[in-house]
C-alpha cells in the first residue's frame, strides 16, 4: 500500500469493476477511531503493473490476491469474436 504525502492518514488503493477489471487508483484513509485503513469492497491495496497496462487489461483473480493480464487487441481483426459481458 502506497502512503500519500498529503496526509499521513491516507493511502492509495486500486479499484476494480464487477468483473475484476482495474478501474483506477483512489485515495483511502484511516478510520479515526480504530486507526485501520478503510478499504472499500471494490478495492485492493496492491497496484497492477503499470508497464503492462500499456498493452494489457489488468484483471483481479477470483481470490483477489493478484492481478492477471489480458492482452488488448491492436487490430480490428483481433476484436472479432470478443464477447462483452
PDB file of N, CA and C in Angstrom:
ATOM      1  N   UNK A   1       0.860  -1.170   0.000  1.00  0.00           N
ATOM      2  CA  UNK A   1       0.000   0.000   0.000  1.00  0.00           C
ATOM      3  C   UNK A   1       0.903   1.228   0.000  1.00  0.00           C
ATOM      4  N   UNK A   2       0.657   2.107  -0.912  1.00  0.00           N
ATOM      5  CA  UNK A   2       1.453   3.323  -1.039  1.00  0.00           C
ATOM      6  C   UNK A   2       0.873   4.419  -0.153  1.00  0.00           C
ATOM      7  N   UNK A   3       1.713   4.937   0.735  1.00  0.00           N
ATOM      8  CA  UNK A   3       1.280   6.055   1.590  1.00  0.00           C
ATOM      9  C   UNK A   3       1.380   7.343   0.790  1.00  0.00           C
ATOM     10  N   UNK A   4       0.428   8.225   0.960  1.00  0.00           N
ATOM     11  CA  UNK A   4       0.436   9.518   0.289  1.00  0.00           C
ATOM     12  C   UNK A   4       1.112  10.553   1.174  1.00  0.00           C
ATOM     13  N   UNK A   5       1.776  11.520   0.549  1.00  0.00           N
ATOM     14  CA  UNK A   5       2.460  12.572   1.298  1.00  0.00           C
ATOM     15  C   UNK A   5       1.514  13.655   1.785  1.00  0.00           C
ATOM     16  N   UNK A   6       0.322  13.744   1.193  1.00  0.00           N
ATOM     17  CA  UNK A   6      -0.611  14.818   1.522  1.00  0.00           C
ATOM     18  C   UNK A   6      -0.988  14.769   3.001  1.00  0.00           C
ATOM     19  N   UNK A   7      -1.368  13.610   3.458  1.00  0.00           N
ATOM     20  CA  UNK A   7      -1.770  13.420   4.846  1.00  0.00           C
ATOM     21  C   UNK A   7      -1.238  12.064   5.289  1.00  0.00           C
ATOM     22  N   UNK A   8      -0.849  11.945   6.520  1.00  0.00           N
ATOM     23  CA  UNK A   8      -0.300  10.670   6.984  1.00  0.00           C
ATOM     24  C   UNK A   8      -1.376   9.615   7.192  1.00  0.00           C
ATOM     25  N   UNK A   9      -2.642  10.004   7.179  1.00  0.00           N
ATOM     26  CA  UNK A   9      -3.715   9.028   7.399  1.00  0.00           C
ATOM     27  C   UNK A   9      -4.379   8.589   6.093  1.00  0.00           C
ATOM     28  N   UNK A  10      -3.686   8.769   4.952  1.00  0.00           N
ATOM     29  CA  UNK A  10      -4.241   8.344   3.669  1.00  0.00           C
ATOM     30  C   UNK A  10      -3.269   7.408   2.956  1.00  0.00           C
ATOM     31  N   UNK A  11      -3.802   6.648   2.017  1.00  0.00           N
ATOM     32  CA  UNK A  11      -3.000   5.738   1.196  1.00  0.00           C
ATOM     33  C   UNK A  11      -3.713   5.571  -0.143  1.00  0.00           C
ATOM     34  N   UNK A  12      -3.059   4.901  -1.063  1.00  0.00           N
ATOM     35  CA  UNK A  12      -3.654   4.637  -2.370  1.00  0.00           C
ATOM     36  C   UNK A  12      -4.192   3.218  -2.414  1.00  0.00           C
ATOM     37  N   UNK A  13      -5.394   3.060  -2.958  1.00  0.00           N
ATOM     38  CA  UNK A  13      -5.987   1.741  -3.209  1.00  0.00           C
ATOM     39  C   UNK A  13      -6.330   1.682  -4.698  1.00  0.00           C
ATOM     40  N   UNK A  14      -6.634   0.481  -5.188  1.00  0.00           N
ATOM     41  CA  UNK A  14      -6.851   0.274  -6.623  1.00  0.00           C
ATOM     42  C   UNK A  14      -8.204  -0.393  -6.813  1.00  0.00           C
ATOM     43  N   UNK A  15      -9.119   0.317  -7.489  1.00  0.00           N
ATOM     44  CA  UNK A  15     -10.491  -0.181  -7.609  1.00  0.00           C
ATOM     45  C   UNK A  15     -10.668  -1.014  -8.876  1.00  0.00           C
ATOM     46  N   UNK A  16     -11.674  -1.887  -8.825  1.00  0.00           N
ATOM     47  CA  UNK A  16     -11.988  -2.782  -9.933  1.00  0.00           C
ATOM     48  C   UNK A  16     -13.494  -2.852 -10.104  1.00  0.00           C
ATOM     49  N   UNK A  17     -13.941  -3.243 -11.310  1.00  0.00           N
ATOM     50  CA  UNK A  17     -15.377  -3.326 -11.573  1.00  0.00           C
ATOM     51  C   UNK A  17     -15.917  -4.707 -11.174  1.00  0.00           C
ATOM     52  N   UNK A  18     -17.187  -4.963 -11.491  1.00  0.00           N
ATOM     53  CA  UNK A  18     -17.838  -6.214 -11.081  1.00  0.00           C
ATOM     54  C   UNK A  18     -17.234  -7.453 -11.736  1.00  0.00           C
ATOM     55  N   UNK A  19     -16.438  -7.271 -12.790  1.00  0.00           N
ATOM     56  CA  UNK A  19     -15.775  -8.400 -13.454  1.00  0.00           C
ATOM     57  C   UNK A  19     -14.308  -8.509 -13.051  1.00  0.00           C
ATOM     58  N   UNK A  20     -13.858  -7.645 -12.156  1.00  0.00           N
ATOM     59  CA  UNK A  20     -12.484  -7.674 -11.687  1.00  0.00           C
ATOM     60  C   UNK A  20     -11.518  -6.822 -12.491  1.00  0.00           C
ATOM     61  N   UNK A  21     -12.024  -6.094 -13.507  1.00  0.00           N
ATOM     62  CA  UNK A  21     -11.146  -5.257 -14.326  1.00  0.00           C
ATOM     63  C   UNK A  21     -10.748  -3.995 -13.561  1.00  0.00           C
ATOM     64  N   UNK A  22      -9.469  -3.663 -13.633  1.00  0.00           N
ATOM     65  CA  UNK A  22      -8.945  -2.466 -12.988  1.00  0.00           C
ATOM     66  C   UNK A  22      -9.646  -1.225 -13.523  1.00  0.00           C
ATOM     67  N   UNK A  23     -10.073  -0.335 -12.602  1.00  0.00           N
ATOM     68  CA  UNK A  23     -10.709   0.925 -12.992  1.00  0.00           C
ATOM     69  C   UNK A  23      -9.764   2.105 -12.788  1.00  0.00           C
ATOM     70  N   UNK A  24      -9.308   2.285 -11.552  1.00  0.00           N
ATOM     71  CA  UNK A  24      -8.482   3.461 -11.276  1.00  0.00           C
ATOM     72  C   UNK A  24      -7.846   3.347  -9.888  1.00  0.00           C
ATOM     73  N   UNK A  25      -6.887   4.233  -9.655  1.00  0.00           N
ATOM     74  CA  UNK A  25      -6.325   4.379  -8.315  1.00  0.00           C
ATOM     75  C   UNK A  25      -7.196   5.379  -7.571  1.00  0.00           C
ATOM     76  N   UNK A  26      -7.337   5.178  -6.284  1.00  0.00           N
ATOM     77  CA  UNK A  26      -8.164   6.061  -5.475  1.00  0.00           C
ATOM     78  C   UNK A  26      -7.525   6.244  -4.098  1.00  0.00           C
ATOM     79  N   UNK A  27      -7.893   7.285  -3.409  1.00  0.00           N
ATOM     80  CA  UNK A  27      -7.343   7.543  -2.088  1.00  0.00           C
ATOM     81  C   UNK A  27      -8.248   6.939  -1.016  1.00  0.00           C
ATOM     82  N   UNK A  28      -7.629   6.283  -0.040  1.00  0.00           N
ATOM     83  CA  UNK A  28      -8.369   5.764   1.118  1.00  0.00           C
ATOM     84  C   UNK A  28      -7.764   6.404   2.368  1.00  0.00           C
ATOM     85  N   UNK A  29      -8.484   6.294   3.473  1.00  0.00           N
ATOM     86  CA  UNK A  29      -7.979   6.911   4.702  1.00  0.00           C
ATOM     87  C   UNK A  29      -8.187   6.006   5.913  1.00  0.00           C
ATOM     88  N   UNK A  30      -7.535   6.368   7.001  1.00  0.00           N
ATOM     89  CA  UNK A  30      -7.672   5.633   8.258  1.00  0.00           C
ATOM     90  C   UNK A  30      -9.008   5.929   8.909  1.00  0.00           C
ATOM     91  N   UNK A  31      -9.550   4.923   9.579  1.00  0.00           N
ATOM     92  CA  UNK A  31     -10.702   5.122  10.455  1.00  0.00           C
ATOM     93  C   UNK A  31     -10.187   5.919  11.649  1.00  0.00           C
ATOM     94  N   UNK A  32     -10.802   7.050  11.962  1.00  0.00           N
ATOM     95  CA  UNK A  32     -10.300   7.871  13.065  1.00  0.00           C
ATOM     96  C   UNK A  32     -10.408   7.199  14.433  1.00  0.00           C
ATOM     97  N   UNK A  33     -11.262   6.193  14.550  1.00  0.00           N
ATOM     98  CA  UNK A  33     -11.434   5.519  15.843  1.00  0.00           C
ATOM     99  C   UNK A  33     -10.472   4.346  15.989  1.00  0.00           C
ATOM    100  N   UNK A  34     -10.472   3.432  15.000  1.00  0.00           N
ATOM    101  CA  UNK A  34      -9.636   2.234  15.115  1.00  0.00           C
ATOM    102  C   UNK A  34      -8.224   2.444  14.583  1.00  0.00           C
ATOM    103  N   UNK A  35      -8.046   3.422  13.685  1.00  0.00           N
ATOM    104  CA  UNK A  35      -6.740   3.645  13.089  1.00  0.00           C
ATOM    105  C   UNK A  35      -6.455   2.748  11.901  1.00  0.00           C
ATOM    106  N   UNK A  36      -7.364   1.812  11.597  1.00  0.00           N
ATOM    107  CA  UNK A  36      -7.179   0.909  10.464  1.00  0.00           C
ATOM    108  C   UNK A  36      -7.645   1.576   9.178  1.00  0.00           C
ATOM    109  N   UNK A  37      -7.042   1.142   8.051  1.00  0.00           N
ATOM    110  CA  UNK A  37      -7.435   1.700   6.764  1.00  0.00           C
ATOM    111  C   UNK A  37      -8.858   1.290   6.417  1.00  0.00           C
ATOM    112  N   UNK A  38      -9.637   2.231   5.892  1.00  0.00           N
ATOM    113  CA  UNK A  38     -10.999   1.969   5.420  1.00  0.00           C
ATOM    114  C   UNK A  38     -10.889   1.609   3.934  1.00  0.00           C
ATOM    115  N   UNK A  39     -10.967   0.318   3.635  1.00  0.00           N
ATOM    116  CA  UNK A  39     -10.784  -0.153   2.262  1.00  0.00           C
ATOM    117  C   UNK A  39     -12.139  -0.560   1.695  1.00  0.00           C
ATOM    118  N   UNK A  40     -12.616   0.124   0.655  1.00  0.00           N
ATOM    119  CA  UNK A  40     -13.901  -0.239   0.046  1.00  0.00           C
ATOM    120  C   UNK A  40     -13.876  -1.676  -0.494  1.00  0.00           C
ATOM    121  N   UNK A  41     -15.041  -2.284  -0.601  1.00  0.00           N
ATOM    122  CA  UNK A  41     -15.143  -3.673  -1.069  1.00  0.00           C
ATOM    123  C   UNK A  41     -14.650  -3.848  -2.496  1.00  0.00           C
ATOM    124  N   UNK A  42     -14.664  -2.775  -3.290  1.00  0.00           N
ATOM    125  CA  UNK A  42     -14.220  -2.884  -4.684  1.00  0.00           C
ATOM    126  C   UNK A  42     -12.790  -2.387  -4.867  1.00  0.00           C
ATOM    127  N   UNK A  43     -11.973  -2.500  -3.821  1.00  0.00           N
ATOM    128  CA  UNK A  43     -10.579  -2.039  -3.886  1.00  0.00           C
ATOM    129  C   UNK A  43      -9.628  -3.057  -3.275  1.00  0.00           C
ATOM    130  N   UNK A  44      -8.396  -3.020  -3.748  1.00  0.00           N
ATOM    131  CA  UNK A  44      -7.291  -3.759  -3.136  1.00  0.00           C
ATOM    132  C   UNK A  44      -6.169  -2.754  -2.900  1.00  0.00           C
ATOM    133  N   UNK A  45      -5.189  -3.137  -2.107  1.00  0.00           N
ATOM    134  CA  UNK A  45      -4.125  -2.198  -1.757  1.00  0.00           C
ATOM    135  C   UNK A  45      -2.832  -2.438  -2.525  1.00  0.00           C
ATOM    136  N   UNK A  46      -2.855  -3.294  -3.530  1.00  0.00           N
ATOM    137  CA  UNK A  46      -1.663  -3.527  -4.351  1.00  0.00           C
ATOM    138  C   UNK A  46      -1.959  -3.139  -5.798  1.00  0.00           C
ATOM    139  N   UNK A  47      -1.005  -2.478  -6.406  1.00  0.00           N
ATOM    140  CA  UNK A  47      -1.186  -1.897  -7.734  1.00  0.00           C
ATOM    141  C   UNK A  47      -0.968  -2.915  -8.850  1.00  0.00           C
ATOM    142  N   UNK A  48      -1.695  -2.740  -9.958  1.00  0.00           N
ATOM    143  CA  UNK A  48      -1.363  -3.524 -11.143  1.00  0.00           C
ATOM    144  C   UNK A  48      -0.041  -3.001 -11.714  1.00  0.00           C
ATOM    145  N   UNK A  49       0.622  -3.811 -12.501  1.00  0.00           N
ATOM    146  CA  UNK A  49       1.894  -3.443 -13.120  1.00  0.00           C
ATOM    147  C   UNK A  49       1.661  -2.335 -14.151  1.00  0.00           C
ATOM    148  N   UNK A  50       2.198  -1.161 -13.885  1.00  0.00           N
ATOM    149  CA  UNK A  50       1.948  -0.003 -14.735  1.00  0.00           C
ATOM    150  C   UNK A  50       2.455  -0.212 -16.170  1.00  0.00           C
ATOM    151  N   UNK A  51       3.573  -0.885 -16.338  1.00  0.00           N
ATOM    152  CA  UNK A  51       4.113  -1.134 -17.681  1.00  0.00           C
ATOM    153  C   UNK A  51       3.188  -2.044 -18.481  1.00  0.00           C
ATOM    154  N   UNK A  52       2.619  -3.045 -17.813  1.00  0.00           N
ATOM    155  CA  UNK A  52       1.724  -3.984 -18.506  1.00  0.00           C
ATOM    156  C   UNK A  52       0.408  -3.332 -18.908  1.00  0.00           C
ATOM    157  N   UNK A  53       0.001  -2.270 -18.196  1.00  0.00           N
ATOM    158  CA  UNK A  53      -1.264  -1.605 -18.512  1.00  0.00           C
ATOM    159  C   UNK A  53      -1.252  -0.928 -19.883  1.00  0.00           C
ATOM    160  N   UNK A  54      -0.074  -0.695 -20.435  1.00  0.00           N
ATOM    161  CA  UNK A  54       0.021  -0.070 -21.760  1.00  0.00           C
ATOM    162  C   UNK A  54      -0.476  -1.008 -22.858  1.00  0.00           C
ATOM    163  N   UNK A  55      -0.301  -2.320 -22.656  1.00  0.00           N
ATOM    164  CA  UNK A  55      -0.672  -3.284 -23.694  1.00  0.00           C
ATOM    165  C   UNK A  55      -1.698  -4.316 -23.230  1.00  0.00           C
ATOM    166  N   UNK A  56      -2.039  -4.293 -21.948  1.00  0.00           N
ATOM    167  CA  UNK A  56      -2.948  -5.310 -21.397  1.00  0.00           C
ATOM    168  C   UNK A  56      -3.958  -4.692 -20.446  1.00  0.00           C
ATOM    169  N   UNK A  57      -5.069  -5.409 -20.280  1.00  0.00           N
ATOM    170  CA  UNK A  57      -6.041  -5.052 -19.249  1.00  0.00           C
ATOM    171  C   UNK A  57      -5.692  -5.834 -17.989  1.00  0.00           C
ATOM    172  N   UNK A  58      -5.708  -5.160 -16.851  1.00  0.00           N
ATOM    173  CA  UNK A  58      -5.466  -5.834 -15.574  1.00  0.00           C
ATOM    174  C   UNK A  58      -6.794  -6.361 -15.055  1.00  0.00           C
ATOM    175  N   UNK A  59      -6.801  -7.633 -14.643  1.00  0.00           N
ATOM    176  CA  UNK A  59      -7.999  -8.273 -14.107  1.00  0.00           C
ATOM    177  C   UNK A  59      -7.612  -8.958 -12.798  1.00  0.00           C
ATOM    178  N   UNK A  60      -8.355  -8.665 -11.756  1.00  0.00           N
ATOM    179  CA  UNK A  60      -8.091  -9.264 -10.447  1.00  0.00           C
ATOM    180  C   UNK A  60      -8.531 -10.722 -10.458  1.00  0.00           C
ATOM    181  N   UNK A  61      -7.698 -11.612  -9.886  1.00  0.00           N
ATOM    182  CA  UNK A  61      -8.086 -13.021  -9.861  1.00  0.00           C
ATOM    183  C   UNK A  61      -9.240 -13.244  -8.884  1.00  0.00           C
ATOM    184  N   UNK A  62      -9.823 -14.444  -8.912  1.00  0.00           N
ATOM    185  CA  UNK A  62     -11.024 -14.738  -8.117  1.00  0.00           C
ATOM    186  C   UNK A  62     -10.811 -14.603  -6.610  1.00  0.00           C
ATOM    187  N   UNK A  63      -9.590 -14.838  -6.145  1.00  0.00           N
ATOM    188  CA  UNK A  63      -9.326 -14.740  -4.711  1.00  0.00           C
ATOM    189  C   UNK A  63      -8.844 -13.354  -4.288  1.00  0.00           C
ATOM    190  N   UNK A  64      -8.820 -12.433  -5.262  1.00  0.00           N
ATOM    191  CA  UNK A  64      -8.414 -11.041  -5.016  1.00  0.00           C
ATOM    192  C   UNK A  64      -7.022 -10.938  -4.410  1.00  0.00           C
ATOM    193  N   UNK A  65      -6.105 -11.801  -4.909  1.00  0.00           N
ATOM    194  CA  UNK A  65      -4.747 -11.809  -4.374  1.00  0.00           C
ATOM    195  C   UNK A  65      -3.701 -11.346  -5.372  1.00  0.00           C
ATOM    196  N   UNK A  66      -4.044 -11.282  -6.665  1.00  0.00           N
ATOM    197  CA  UNK A  66      -3.078 -10.788  -7.651  1.00  0.00           C
ATOM    198  C   UNK A  66      -3.801 -10.351  -8.918  1.00  0.00           C
ATOM    199  N   UNK A  67      -3.124  -9.491  -9.667  1.00  0.00           N
ATOM    200  CA  UNK A  67      -3.632  -9.049 -10.956  1.00  0.00           C
ATOM    201  C   UNK A  67      -3.165 -10.022 -12.029  1.00  0.00           C
ATOM    202  N   UNK A  68      -4.058 -10.353 -12.949  1.00  0.00           N
ATOM    203  CA  UNK A  68      -3.682 -11.093 -14.145  1.00  0.00           C
ATOM    204  C   UNK A  68      -3.836 -10.117 -15.306  1.00  0.00           C
ATOM    205  N   UNK A  69      -3.343 -10.468 -16.464  1.00  0.00           N
ATOM    206  CA  UNK A  69      -3.346  -9.519 -17.577  1.00  0.00           C
ATOM    207  C   UNK A  69      -3.882 -10.164 -18.846  1.00  0.00           C
ATOM    208  N   UNK A  70      -4.767  -9.441 -19.524  1.00  0.00           N
ATOM    209  CA  UNK A  70      -5.335  -9.867 -20.802  1.00  0.00           C
ATOM    210  C   UNK A  70      -4.829  -8.903 -21.865  1.00  0.00           C
ATOM    211  N   UNK A  71      -4.214  -9.456 -22.888  1.00  0.00           N
ATOM    212  CA  UNK A  71      -3.675  -8.639 -23.971  1.00  0.00           C
ATOM    213  C   UNK A  71      -4.779  -7.806 -24.625  1.00  0.00           C
ATOM    214  N   UNK A  72      -4.545  -6.500 -24.810  1.00  0.00           N
ATOM    215  CA  UNK A  72      -5.500  -5.640 -25.502  1.00  0.00           C
ATOM    216  C   UNK A  72      -5.409  -5.906 -27.004  1.00  0.00           C
ATOM    217  N   UNK A  73      -6.527  -5.932 -27.706  1.00  0.00           N
ATOM    218  CA  UNK A  73      -6.472  -6.081 -29.156  1.00  0.00           C
ATOM    219  C   UNK A  73      -5.791  -4.866 -29.783  1.00  0.00           C
ATOM    220  N   UNK A  74      -5.061  -5.101 -30.855  1.00  0.00           N
ATOM    221  CA  UNK A  74      -4.373  -3.994 -31.529  1.00  0.00           C
ATOM    222  C   UNK A  74      -4.883  -3.763 -32.942  1.00  0.00           C
ATOM    223  N   UNK A  75      -5.733  -4.686 -33.424  1.00  0.00           N
ATOM    224  CA  UNK A  75      -6.311  -4.536 -34.758  1.00  0.00           C
ATOM    225  C   UNK A  75      -7.789  -4.891 -34.701  1.00  0.00           C
ATOM    226  N   UNK A  76      -8.521  -4.497 -35.728  1.00  0.00           N
ATOM    227  CA  UNK A  76      -9.942  -4.845 -35.801  1.00  0.00           C
ATOM    228  C   UNK A  76     -10.115  -6.360 -35.879  1.00  0.00           C
ATOM    229  N   UNK A  77      -9.224  -7.031 -36.568  1.00  0.00           N
ATOM    230  CA  UNK A  77      -9.313  -8.489 -36.700  1.00  0.00           C
ATOM    231  C   UNK A  77      -9.198  -9.177 -35.339  1.00  0.00           C
ATOM    232  N   UNK A  78      -8.384  -8.638 -34.453  1.00  0.00           N
ATOM    233  CA  UNK A  78      -8.239  -9.218 -33.114  1.00  0.00           C
ATOM    234  C   UNK A  78      -9.500  -9.014 -32.277  1.00  0.00           C
ATOM    235  N   UNK A  79     -10.324  -8.038 -32.645  1.00  0.00           N
ATOM    236  CA  UNK A  79     -11.569  -7.780 -31.906  1.00  0.00           C
ATOM    237  C   UNK A  79     -12.686  -8.743 -32.316  1.00  0.00           C
ATOM    238  N   UNK A  80     -12.547  -9.376 -33.456  1.00  0.00           N
ATOM    239  CA  UNK A  80     -13.575 -10.300 -33.940  1.00  0.00           C
ATOM    240  C   UNK A  80     -13.742 -11.438 -32.945  1.00  0.00           C
ATOM    241  N   UNK A  81     -14.967 -11.685 -32.563  1.00  0.00           N
ATOM    242  CA  UNK A  81     -15.269 -12.785 -31.653  1.00  0.00           C
ATOM    243  C   UNK A  81     -15.168 -12.434 -30.168  1.00  0.00           C
ATOM    244  N   UNK A  82     -14.744 -11.226 -29.830  1.00  0.00           N
ATOM    245  CA  UNK A  82     -14.684 -10.834 -28.424  1.00  0.00           C
ATOM    246  C   UNK A  82     -16.109 -10.622 -27.925  1.00  0.00           C
ATOM    247  N   UNK A  83     -16.433 -11.249 -26.819  1.00  0.00           N
ATOM    248  CA  UNK A  83     -17.760 -11.093 -26.221  1.00  0.00           C
ATOM    249  C   UNK A  83     -17.648 -10.174 -25.015  1.00  0.00           C
ATOM    250  N   UNK A  84     -18.487  -9.153 -24.991  1.00  0.00           N
ATOM    251  CA  UNK A  84     -18.523  -8.208 -23.891  1.00  0.00           C
ATOM    252  C   UNK A  84     -19.544  -8.696 -22.877  1.00  0.00           C
ATOM    253  N   UNK A  85     -19.125  -8.769 -21.632  1.00  0.00           N
ATOM    254  CA  UNK A  85     -20.026  -9.225 -20.568  1.00  0.00           C
ATOM    255  C   UNK A  85     -20.989  -8.150 -20.174  1.00  0.00           C
TER     256      UNK A  85
END
